[in-house]
Amino acid sequence: MPRILRTLASKQDYNDIYSYIAADSPNHAANLLRKLDARLKVLSENNLMGRRRPELAENLRSYPEGNYVIFYQPIEDGIILIRVLHSARDITTDYFNESDTP
């Protein structure tokens, strides 16, 4: 069974996404996190599915889900979730700290 490892930054992203959306609609926030989790499951099973992002970090891939972009690294038996960021952000290398490991 494929694994999904999560960095501290990705866990904080999840908390931030939920908190921001839940302020208006807890149900919508929970639904979004379920959609993200479903996409992560697919990505863990097909870990080369996303777009390569060498301009941001080594071995990084991204995949859009709604208004968010999932950033991950493929590993032999799944993925490491690196970040989940809103697509409207100006995404630079500053968002990816190599010392943040799951």
PDB file of N, CA and C in Angstrom:
ATOM      1  N   MET A   1       0.846  -1.184   0.000  1.00  0.00           N
ATOM      2  CA  MET A   1       0.000   0.000   0.000  1.00  0.00           C
ATOM      3  C   MET A   1       0.890   1.246   0.000  1.00  0.00           C
ATOM      4  N   PRO A   2       0.666   2.166  -0.921  1.00  0.00           N
ATOM      5  CA  PRO A   2       1.483   3.379  -1.000  1.00  0.00           C
ATOM      6  C   PRO A   2       1.362   4.237   0.266  1.00  0.00           C
ATOM      7  N   ARG A   3       2.495   4.878   0.590  1.00  0.00           N
ATOM      8  CA  ARG A   3       2.533   5.738   1.774  1.00  0.00           C
ATOM      9  C   ARG A   3       2.436   7.207   1.384  1.00  0.00           C
ATOM     10  N   ILE A   4       1.907   8.009   2.313  1.00  0.00           N
ATOM     11  CA  ILE A   4       1.901   9.461   2.181  1.00  0.00           C
ATOM     12  C   ILE A   4       2.566  10.006   3.440  1.00  0.00           C
ATOM     13  N   LEU A   5       3.784  10.491   3.286  1.00  0.00           N
ATOM     14  CA  LEU A   5       4.488  11.128   4.386  1.00  0.00           C
ATOM     15  C   LEU A   5       4.242  12.629   4.280  1.00  0.00           C
ATOM     16  N   ARG A   6       4.154  13.316   5.415  1.00  0.00           N
ATOM     17  CA  ARG A   6       3.832  14.746   5.412  1.00  0.00           C
ATOM     18  C   ARG A   6       4.897  15.539   6.159  1.00  0.00           C
ATOM     19  N   THR A   7       5.350  16.623   5.546  1.00  0.00           N
ATOM     20  CA  THR A   7       6.275  17.517   6.228  1.00  0.00           C
ATOM     21  C   THR A   7       5.497  18.366   7.231  1.00  0.00           C
ATOM     22  N   LEU A   8       6.233  18.980   8.156  1.00  0.00           N
ATOM     23  CA  LEU A   8       5.595  19.891   9.110  1.00  0.00           C
ATOM     24  C   LEU A   8       4.921  21.047   8.381  1.00  0.00           C
ATOM     25  N   ALA A   9       5.572  21.553   7.331  1.00  0.00           N
ATOM     26  CA  ALA A   9       4.987  22.663   6.569  1.00  0.00           C
ATOM     27  C   ALA A   9       3.669  22.255   5.919  1.00  0.00           C
ATOM     28  N   SER A  10       3.598  21.041   5.399  1.00  0.00           N
ATOM     29  CA  SER A  10       2.346  20.601   4.759  1.00  0.00           C
ATOM     30  C   SER A  10       1.242  20.416   5.795  1.00  0.00           C
ATOM     31  N   LYS A  11       1.607  19.955   6.996  1.00  0.00           N
ATOM     32  CA  LYS A  11       0.607  19.835   8.063  1.00  0.00           C
ATOM     33  C   LYS A  11       0.082  21.212   8.459  1.00  0.00           C
ATOM     34  N   GLN A  12       0.985  22.193   8.516  1.00  0.00           N
ATOM     35  CA  GLN A  12       0.563  23.558   8.840  1.00  0.00           C
ATOM     36  C   GLN A  12      -0.299  24.131   7.718  1.00  0.00           C
ATOM     37  N   ASP A  13       0.046  23.819   6.463  1.00  0.00           N
ATOM     38  CA  ASP A  13      -0.781  24.263   5.331  1.00  0.00           C
ATOM     39  C   ASP A  13      -2.206  23.745   5.486  1.00  0.00           C
ATOM     40  N   TYR A  14      -2.348  22.473   5.823  1.00  0.00           N
ATOM     41  CA  TYR A  14      -3.683  21.880   6.027  1.00  0.00           C
ATOM     42  C   TYR A  14      -4.438  22.626   7.123  1.00  0.00           C
ATOM     43  N   ASN A  15      -3.761  22.883   8.240  1.00  0.00           N
ATOM     44  CA  ASN A  15      -4.407  23.612   9.341  1.00  0.00           C
ATOM     45  C   ASN A  15      -4.830  25.009   8.912  1.00  0.00           C
ATOM     46  N   ASP A  16      -3.950  25.695   8.183  1.00  0.00           N
ATOM     47  CA  ASP A  16      -4.254  27.053   7.727  1.00  0.00           C
ATOM     48  C   ASP A  16      -5.425  27.066   6.749  1.00  0.00           C
ATOM     49  N   ILE A  17      -5.438  26.121   5.821  1.00  0.00           N
ATOM     50  CA  ILE A  17      -6.531  26.034   4.845  1.00  0.00           C
ATOM     51  C   ILE A  17      -7.848  25.803   5.571  1.00  0.00           C
ATOM     52  N   TYR A  18      -7.851  24.839   6.484  1.00  0.00           N
ATOM     53  CA  TYR A  18      -9.083  24.547   7.217  1.00  0.00           C
ATOM     54  C   TYR A  18      -9.542  25.762   8.013  1.00  0.00           C
ATOM     55  N   SER A  19      -8.651  26.379   8.759  1.00  0.00           N
ATOM     56  CA  SER A  19      -9.021  27.518   9.609  1.00  0.00           C
ATOM     57  C   SER A  19      -9.588  28.672   8.794  1.00  0.00           C
ATOM     58  N   TYR A  20      -8.954  28.974   7.674  1.00  0.00           N
ATOM     59  CA  TYR A  20      -9.393  30.099   6.848  1.00  0.00           C
ATOM     60  C   TYR A  20     -10.787  29.850   6.278  1.00  0.00           C
ATOM     61  N   ILE A  21     -11.003  28.686   5.706  1.00  0.00           N
ATOM     62  CA  ILE A  21     -12.291  28.390   5.071  1.00  0.00           C
ATOM     63  C   ILE A  21     -13.371  28.120   6.114  1.00  0.00           C
ATOM     64  N   ALA A  22     -13.011  27.461   7.199  1.00  0.00           N
ATOM     65  CA  ALA A  22     -13.993  27.115   8.237  1.00  0.00           C
ATOM     66  C   ALA A  22     -14.563  28.344   8.932  1.00  0.00           C
ATOM     67  N   ALA A  23     -13.862  29.458   8.876  1.00  0.00           N
ATOM     68  CA  ALA A  23     -14.391  30.691   9.465  1.00  0.00           C
ATOM     69  C   ALA A  23     -15.721  31.063   8.822  1.00  0.00           C
ATOM     70  N   ASP A  24     -15.890  30.728   7.546  1.00  0.00           N
ATOM     71  CA  ASP A  24     -17.151  30.978   6.835  1.00  0.00           C
ATOM     72  C   ASP A  24     -18.009  29.725   6.718  1.00  0.00           C
ATOM     73  N   SER A  25     -17.363  28.570   6.520  1.00  0.00           N
ATOM     74  CA  SER A  25     -18.121  27.340   6.292  1.00  0.00           C
ATOM     75  C   SER A  25     -17.313  26.108   6.706  1.00  0.00           C
ATOM     76  N   PRO A  26     -17.528  25.615   7.922  1.00  0.00           N
ATOM     77  CA  PRO A  26     -16.813  24.407   8.351  1.00  0.00           C
ATOM     78  C   PRO A  26     -17.052  23.208   7.428  1.00  0.00           C
ATOM     79  N   ASN A  27     -18.264  23.085   6.898  1.00  0.00           N
ATOM     80  CA  ASN A  27     -18.555  21.967   5.985  1.00  0.00           C
ATOM     81  C   ASN A  27     -17.734  22.064   4.709  1.00  0.00           C
ATOM     82  N   HIS A  28     -17.645  23.274   4.155  1.00  0.00           N
ATOM     83  CA  HIS A  28     -16.863  23.469   2.935  1.00  0.00           C
ATOM     84  C   HIS A  28     -15.388  23.166   3.205  1.00  0.00           C
ATOM     85  N   ALA A  29     -14.892  23.596   4.363  1.00  0.00           N
ATOM     86  CA  ALA A  29     -13.492  23.338   4.714  1.00  0.00           C
ATOM     87  C   ALA A  29     -13.227  21.835   4.814  1.00  0.00           C
ATOM     88  N   ALA A  30     -14.112  21.118   5.478  1.00  0.00           N
ATOM     89  CA  ALA A  30     -13.949  19.664   5.622  1.00  0.00           C
ATOM     90  C   ALA A  30     -14.019  18.971   4.266  1.00  0.00           C
ATOM     91  N   ASN A  31     -14.928  19.411   3.400  1.00  0.00           N
ATOM     92  CA  ASN A  31     -15.043  18.824   2.058  1.00  0.00           C
ATOM     93  C   ASN A  31     -13.769  19.042   1.250  1.00  0.00           C
ATOM     94  N   LEU A  32     -13.196  20.240   1.350  1.00  0.00           N
ATOM     95  CA  LEU A  32     -11.969  20.524   0.613  1.00  0.00           C
ATOM     96  C   LEU A  32     -10.835  19.618   1.085  1.00  0.00           C
ATOM     97  N   LEU A  33     -10.697  19.456   2.387  1.00  0.00           N
ATOM     98  CA  LEU A  33      -9.634  18.584   2.889  1.00  0.00           C
ATOM     99  C   LEU A  33      -9.848  17.139   2.458  1.00  0.00           C
ATOM    100  N   ARG A  34     -11.098  16.711   2.374  1.00  0.00           N
ATOM    101  CA  ARG A  34     -11.378  15.357   1.870  1.00  0.00           C
ATOM    102  C   ARG A  34     -10.962  15.226   0.404  1.00  0.00           C
ATOM    103  N   LYS A  35     -11.233  16.263  -0.397  1.00  0.00           N
ATOM    104  CA  LYS A  35     -10.825  16.235  -1.805  1.00  0.00           C
ATOM    105  C   LYS A  35      -9.303  16.197  -1.929  1.00  0.00           C
ATOM    106  N   LEU A  36      -8.634  16.995  -1.106  1.00  0.00           N
ATOM    107  CA  LEU A  36      -7.172  16.983  -1.133  1.00  0.00           C
ATOM    108  C   LEU A  36      -6.637  15.606  -0.747  1.00  0.00           C
ATOM    109  N   ASP A  37      -7.212  15.012   0.288  1.00  0.00           N
ATOM    110  CA  ASP A  37      -6.782  13.675   0.713  1.00  0.00           C
ATOM    111  C   ASP A  37      -7.013  12.630  -0.380  1.00  0.00           C
ATOM    112  N   ALA A  38      -8.131  12.729  -1.078  1.00  0.00           N
ATOM    113  CA  ALA A  38      -8.416  11.791  -2.168  1.00  0.00           C
ATOM    114  C   ALA A  38      -7.386  11.943  -3.287  1.00  0.00           C
ATOM    115  N   ARG A  39      -7.027  13.192  -3.596  1.00  0.00           N
ATOM    116  CA  ARG A  39      -6.019  13.427  -4.635  1.00  0.00           C
ATOM    117  C   ARG A  39      -4.658  12.897  -4.185  1.00  0.00           C
ATOM    118  N   LEU A  40      -4.330  13.075  -2.914  1.00  0.00           N
ATOM    119  CA  LEU A  40      -3.057  12.557  -2.403  1.00  0.00           C
ATOM    120  C   LEU A  40      -2.981  11.045  -2.538  1.00  0.00           C
ATOM    121  N   LYS A  41      -4.086  10.376  -2.307  1.00  0.00           N
ATOM    122  CA  LYS A  41      -4.122   8.916  -2.450  1.00  0.00           C
ATOM    123  C   LYS A  41      -3.804   8.518  -3.890  1.00  0.00           C
ATOM    124  N   VAL A  42      -4.424   9.209  -4.849  1.00  0.00           N
ATOM    125  CA  VAL A  42      -4.161   8.926  -6.266  1.00  0.00           C
ATOM    126  C   VAL A  42      -2.696   9.203  -6.594  1.00  0.00           C
ATOM    127  N   LEU A  43      -2.182  10.339  -6.101  1.00  0.00           N
ATOM    128  CA  LEU A  43      -0.786  10.681  -6.378  1.00  0.00           C
ATOM    129  C   LEU A  43       0.173   9.669  -5.755  1.00  0.00           C
ATOM    130  N   SER A  44      -0.161   9.166  -4.580  1.00  0.00           N
ATOM    131  CA  SER A  44       0.722   8.181  -3.939  1.00  0.00           C
ATOM    132  C   SER A  44       0.766   6.879  -4.734  1.00  0.00           C
ATOM    133  N   GLU A  45      -0.319   6.571  -5.423  1.00  0.00           N
ATOM    134  CA  GLU A  45      -0.387   5.355  -6.240  1.00  0.00           C
ATOM    135  C   GLU A  45       0.228   5.553  -7.619  1.00  0.00           C
ATOM    136  N   ASN A  46       0.300   6.807  -8.065  1.00  0.00           N
ATOM    137  CA  ASN A  46       0.846   7.173  -9.381  1.00  0.00           C
ATOM    138  C   ASN A  46       1.785   8.359  -9.171  1.00  0.00           C
ATOM    139  N   ASN A  47       2.897   8.127  -8.495  1.00  0.00           N
ATOM    140  CA  ASN A  47       3.681   9.240  -7.985  1.00  0.00           C
ATOM    141  C   ASN A  47       4.458  10.056  -9.020  1.00  0.00           C
ATOM    142  N   LEU A  48       4.424   9.668 -10.267  1.00  0.00           N
ATOM    143  CA  LEU A  48       5.044  10.475 -11.323  1.00  0.00           C
ATOM    144  C   LEU A  48       4.000  11.249 -12.122  1.00  0.00           C
ATOM    145  N   MET A  49       2.781  11.268 -11.641  1.00  0.00           N
ATOM    146  CA  MET A  49       1.655  11.877 -12.346  1.00  0.00           C
ATOM    147  C   MET A  49       1.777  13.403 -12.453  1.00  0.00           C
ATOM    148  N   GLY A  50       2.313  14.034 -11.438  1.00  0.00           N
ATOM    149  CA  GLY A  50       2.374  15.496 -11.414  1.00  0.00           C
ATOM    150  C   GLY A  50       3.457  16.067 -12.312  1.00  0.00           C
ATOM    151  N   ARG A  51       3.383  17.378 -12.472  1.00  0.00           N
ATOM    152  CA  ARG A  51       4.345  18.119 -13.286  1.00  0.00           C
ATOM    153  C   ARG A  51       5.661  18.274 -12.519  1.00  0.00           C
ATOM    154  N   ARG A  52       6.772  18.029 -13.184  1.00  0.00           N
ATOM    155  CA  ARG A  52       8.080  18.235 -12.557  1.00  0.00           C
ATOM    156  C   ARG A  52       8.296  19.726 -12.307  1.00  0.00           C
ATOM    157  N   ARG A  53       8.889  20.077 -11.136  1.00  0.00           N
ATOM    158  CA  ARG A  53       9.112  21.477 -10.763  1.00  0.00           C
ATOM    159  C   ARG A  53      10.560  21.720 -10.323  1.00  0.00           C
ATOM    160  N   PRO A  54      11.534  21.438 -11.200  1.00  0.00           N
ATOM    161  CA  PRO A  54      12.940  21.592 -10.814  1.00  0.00           C
ATOM    162  C   PRO A  54      13.331  23.038 -10.518  1.00  0.00           C
ATOM    163  N   GLU A  55      12.553  23.998 -10.999  1.00  0.00           N
ATOM    164  CA  GLU A  55      12.866  25.409 -10.739  1.00  0.00           C
ATOM    165  C   GLU A  55      12.585  25.796  -9.286  1.00  0.00           C
ATOM    166  N   LEU A  56      11.828  24.945  -8.578  1.00  0.00           N
ATOM    167  CA  LEU A  56      11.487  25.233  -7.179  1.00  0.00           C
ATOM    168  C   LEU A  56      12.296  24.398  -6.194  1.00  0.00           C
ATOM    169  N   ALA A  57      12.503  23.141  -6.497  1.00  0.00           N
ATOM    170  CA  ALA A  57      13.279  22.254  -5.623  1.00  0.00           C
ATOM    171  C   ALA A  57      13.586  20.958  -6.370  1.00  0.00           C
ATOM    172  N   GLU A  58      14.646  20.321  -5.961  1.00  0.00           N
ATOM    173  CA  GLU A  58      15.045  19.060  -6.579  1.00  0.00           C
ATOM    174  C   GLU A  58      14.008  17.972  -6.304  1.00  0.00           C
ATOM    175  N   ASN A  59      13.690  17.212  -7.334  1.00  0.00           N
ATOM    176  CA  ASN A  59      12.772  16.071  -7.235  1.00  0.00           C
ATOM    177  C   ASN A  59      11.355  16.475  -6.817  1.00  0.00           C
ATOM    178  N   LEU A  60      10.972  17.715  -7.081  1.00  0.00           N
ATOM    179  CA  LEU A  60       9.648  18.211  -6.693  1.00  0.00           C
ATOM    180  C   LEU A  60       8.675  18.082  -7.862  1.00  0.00           C
ATOM    181  N   ARG A  61       7.442  17.723  -7.536  1.00  0.00           N
ATOM    182  CA  ARG A  61       6.359  17.666  -8.515  1.00  0.00           C
ATOM    183  C   ARG A  61       5.171  18.426  -7.964  1.00  0.00           C
ATOM    184  N   SER A  62       4.276  18.850  -8.873  1.00  0.00           N
ATOM    185  CA  SER A  62       3.071  19.556  -8.429  1.00  0.00           C
ATOM    186  C   SER A  62       1.862  19.024  -9.175  1.00  0.00           C
ATOM    187  N   TYR A  63       0.721  19.170  -8.513  1.00  0.00           N
ATOM    188  CA  TYR A  63      -0.536  18.749  -9.122  1.00  0.00           C
ATOM    189  C   TYR A  63      -1.638  19.660  -8.594  1.00  0.00           C
ATOM    190  N   PRO A  64      -2.457  20.242  -9.492  1.00  0.00           N
ATOM    191  CA  PRO A  64      -3.526  21.134  -9.029  1.00  0.00           C
ATOM    192  C   PRO A  64      -4.721  20.359  -8.489  1.00  0.00           C
ATOM    193  N   GLU A  65      -5.340  20.927  -7.476  1.00  0.00           N
ATOM    194  CA  GLU A  65      -6.605  20.394  -6.944  1.00  0.00           C
ATOM    195  C   GLU A  65      -7.450  21.599  -6.561  1.00  0.00           C
ATOM    196  N   GLY A  66      -8.433  21.904  -7.412  1.00  0.00           N
ATOM    197  CA  GLY A  66      -9.260  23.088  -7.175  1.00  0.00           C
ATOM    198  C   GLY A  66      -8.402  24.340  -7.227  1.00  0.00           C
ATOM    199  N   ASN A  67      -8.514  25.187  -6.205  1.00  0.00           N
ATOM    200  CA  ASN A  67      -7.733  26.424  -6.139  1.00  0.00           C
ATOM    201  C   ASN A  67      -6.365  26.229  -5.494  1.00  0.00           C
ATOM    202  N   TYR A  68      -5.997  25.002  -5.240  1.00  0.00           N
ATOM    203  CA  TYR A  68      -4.744  24.714  -4.540  1.00  0.00           C
ATOM    204  C   TYR A  68      -3.807  23.906  -5.425  1.00  0.00           C
ATOM    205  N   VAL A  69      -2.530  23.981  -5.078  1.00  0.00           N
ATOM    206  CA  VAL A  69      -1.515  23.196  -5.778  1.00  0.00           C
ATOM    207  C   VAL A  69      -0.822  22.324  -4.737  1.00  0.00           C
ATOM    208  N   ILE A  70      -0.811  21.039  -5.006  1.00  0.00           N
ATOM    209  CA  ILE A  70      -0.154  20.061  -4.143  1.00  0.00           C
ATOM    210  C   ILE A  70       1.284  19.910  -4.634  1.00  0.00           C
ATOM    211  N   PHE A  71       2.242  20.100  -3.733  1.00  0.00           N
ATOM    212  CA  PHE A  71       3.652  19.914  -4.053  1.00  0.00           C
ATOM    213  C   PHE A  71       4.146  18.686  -3.302  1.00  0.00           C
ATOM    214  N   TYR A  72       4.789  17.783  -4.022  1.00  0.00           N
ATOM    215  CA  TYR A  72       5.222  16.536  -3.397  1.00  0.00           C
ATOM    216  C   TYR A  72       6.485  16.010  -4.059  1.00  0.00           C
ATOM    217  N   GLN A  73       7.121  15.082  -3.370  1.00  0.00           N
ATOM    218  CA  GLN A  73       8.254  14.360  -3.926  1.00  0.00           C
ATOM    219  C   GLN A  73       7.897  12.882  -3.992  1.00  0.00           C
ATOM    220  N   PRO A  74       8.111  12.262  -5.139  1.00  0.00           N
ATOM    221  CA  PRO A  74       7.862  10.819  -5.222  1.00  0.00           C
ATOM    222  C   PRO A  74       8.941  10.056  -4.455  1.00  0.00           C
ATOM    223  N   ILE A  75       8.530   8.996  -3.798  1.00  0.00           N
ATOM    224  CA  ILE A  75       9.452   8.058  -3.163  1.00  0.00           C
ATOM    225  C   ILE A  75       9.084   6.663  -3.660  1.00  0.00           C
ATOM    226  N   GLU A  76       9.898   5.691  -3.353  1.00  0.00           N
ATOM    227  CA  GLU A  76       9.703   4.343  -3.899  1.00  0.00           C
ATOM    228  C   GLU A  76       8.309   3.788  -3.631  1.00  0.00           C
ATOM    229  N   ASP A  77       7.793   4.031  -2.442  1.00  0.00           N
ATOM    230  CA  ASP A  77       6.505   3.434  -2.071  1.00  0.00           C
ATOM    231  C   ASP A  77       5.418   4.471  -1.786  1.00  0.00           C
ATOM    232  N   GLY A  78       5.469   5.611  -2.496  1.00  0.00           N
ATOM    233  CA  GLY A  78       4.430   6.630  -2.305  1.00  0.00           C
ATOM    234  C   GLY A  78       4.948   8.026  -2.575  1.00  0.00           C
ATOM    235  N   ILE A  79       4.581   8.965  -1.681  1.00  0.00           N
ATOM    236  CA  ILE A  79       4.985  10.358  -1.849  1.00  0.00           C
ATOM    237  C   ILE A  79       5.301  10.987  -0.491  1.00  0.00           C
ATOM    238  N   ILE A  80       6.068  12.076  -0.568  1.00  0.00           N
ATOM    239  CA  ILE A  80       6.243  12.966   0.575  1.00  0.00           C
ATOM    240  C   ILE A  80       5.503  14.248   0.219  1.00  0.00           C
ATOM    241  N   LEU A  81       4.488  14.585   0.980  1.00  0.00           N
ATOM    242  CA  LEU A  81       3.756  15.829   0.763  1.00  0.00           C
ATOM    243  C   LEU A  81       4.606  16.963   1.316  1.00  0.00           C
ATOM    244  N   ILE A  82       4.972  17.897   0.451  1.00  0.00           N
ATOM    245  CA  ILE A  82       5.859  18.988   0.839  1.00  0.00           C
ATOM    246  C   ILE A  82       5.056  20.225   1.242  1.00  0.00           C
ATOM    247  N   ARG A  83       4.157  20.669   0.386  1.00  0.00           N
ATOM    248  CA  ARG A  83       3.330  21.853   0.662  1.00  0.00           C
ATOM    249  C   ARG A  83       1.998  21.719  -0.069  1.00  0.00           C
ATOM    250  N   VAL A  84       0.998  22.472   0.402  1.00  0.00           N
ATOM    251  CA  VAL A  84      -0.279  22.648  -0.290  1.00  0.00           C
ATOM    252  C   VAL A  84      -0.541  24.146  -0.257  1.00  0.00           C
ATOM    253  N   LEU A  85      -0.431  24.800  -1.423  1.00  0.00           N
ATOM    254  CA  LEU A  85      -0.496  26.258  -1.486  1.00  0.00           C
ATOM    255  C   LEU A  85      -1.609  26.712  -2.419  1.00  0.00           C
ATOM    256  N   HIS A  86      -2.183  27.871  -2.114  1.00  0.00           N
ATOM    257  CA  HIS A  86      -3.221  28.434  -2.977  1.00  0.00           C
ATOM    258  C   HIS A  86      -2.590  28.823  -4.306  1.00  0.00           C
ATOM    259  N   SER A  87      -3.283  28.553  -5.380  1.00  0.00           N
ATOM    260  CA  SER A  87      -2.731  28.781  -6.717  1.00  0.00           C
ATOM    261  C   SER A  87      -2.537  30.258  -7.039  1.00  0.00           C
ATOM    262  N   ALA A  88      -3.164  31.165  -6.287  1.00  0.00           N
ATOM    263  CA  ALA A  88      -3.009  32.597  -6.541  1.00  0.00           C
ATOM    264  C   ALA A  88      -1.692  33.140  -5.976  1.00  0.00           C
ATOM    265  N   ARG A  89      -1.028  32.371  -5.153  1.00  0.00           N
ATOM    266  CA  ARG A  89       0.244  32.823  -4.573  1.00  0.00           C
ATOM    267  C   ARG A  89       1.336  32.869  -5.628  1.00  0.00           C
ATOM    268  N   ASP A  90       2.281  33.763  -5.408  1.00  0.00           N
ATOM    269  CA  ASP A  90       3.491  33.803  -6.221  1.00  0.00           C
ATOM    270  C   ASP A  90       4.442  32.778  -5.605  1.00  0.00           C
ATOM    271  N   ILE A  91       4.457  31.605  -6.164  1.00  0.00           N
ATOM    272  CA  ILE A  91       5.180  30.490  -5.558  1.00  0.00           C
ATOM    273  C   ILE A  91       6.645  30.535  -5.989  1.00  0.00           C
ATOM    274  N   THR A  92       7.521  30.677  -4.982  1.00  0.00           N
ATOM    275  CA  THR A  92       8.961  30.763  -5.218  1.00  0.00           C
ATOM    276  C   THR A  92       9.669  29.685  -4.400  1.00  0.00           C
ATOM    277  N   THR A  93      10.973  29.620  -4.560  1.00  0.00           N
ATOM    278  CA  THR A  93      11.764  28.637  -3.817  1.00  0.00           C
ATOM    279  C   THR A  93      11.692  28.873  -2.309  1.00  0.00           C
ATOM    280  N   ASP A  94      11.313  30.069  -1.883  1.00  0.00           N
ATOM    281  CA  ASP A  94      11.218  30.378  -0.447  1.00  0.00           C
ATOM    282  C   ASP A  94      10.234  29.463   0.279  1.00  0.00           C
ATOM    283  N   TYR A  95       9.274  28.902  -0.416  1.00  0.00           N
ATOM    284  CA  TYR A  95       8.273  28.029   0.202  1.00  0.00           C
ATOM    285  C   TYR A  95       8.790  26.614   0.470  1.00  0.00           C
ATOM    286  N   PHE A  96       9.976  26.301  -0.016  1.00  0.00           N
ATOM    287  CA  PHE A  96      10.464  24.932   0.054  1.00  0.00           C
ATOM    288  C   PHE A  96      11.779  24.871   0.814  1.00  0.00           C
ATOM    289  N   ASN A  97      11.700  24.410   2.055  1.00  0.00           N
ATOM    290  CA  ASN A  97      12.850  24.320   2.941  1.00  0.00           C
ATOM    291  C   ASN A  97      13.267  22.857   3.028  1.00  0.00           C
ATOM    292  N   GLU A  98      14.447  22.563   2.550  1.00  0.00           N
ATOM    293  CA  GLU A  98      14.891  21.162   2.504  1.00  0.00           C
ATOM    294  C   GLU A  98      15.053  20.536   3.882  1.00  0.00           C
ATOM    295  N   SER A  99      15.175  21.353   4.929  1.00  0.00           N
ATOM    296  CA  SER A  99      15.355  20.776   6.263  1.00  0.00           C
ATOM    297  C   SER A  99      14.043  20.304   6.876  1.00  0.00           C
ATOM    298  N   ASP A 100      12.925  20.602   6.230  1.00  0.00           N
ATOM    299  CA  ASP A 100      11.610  20.186   6.734  1.00  0.00           C
ATOM    300  C   ASP A 100      11.317  18.778   6.228  1.00  0.00           C
ATOM    301  N   THR A 101      11.545  17.794   7.073  1.00  0.00           N
ATOM    302  CA  THR A 101      11.333  16.406   6.684  1.00  0.00           C
ATOM    303  C   THR A 101      10.198  15.798   7.492  1.00  0.00           C
ATOM    304  N   PRO A 102       9.537  14.790   6.937  1.00  0.00           N
ATOM    305  CA  PRO A 102       8.422  14.164   7.663  1.00  0.00           C
ATOM    306  C   PRO A 102       8.893  13.344   8.856  1.00  0.00           C
TER     307      PRO A 102
END
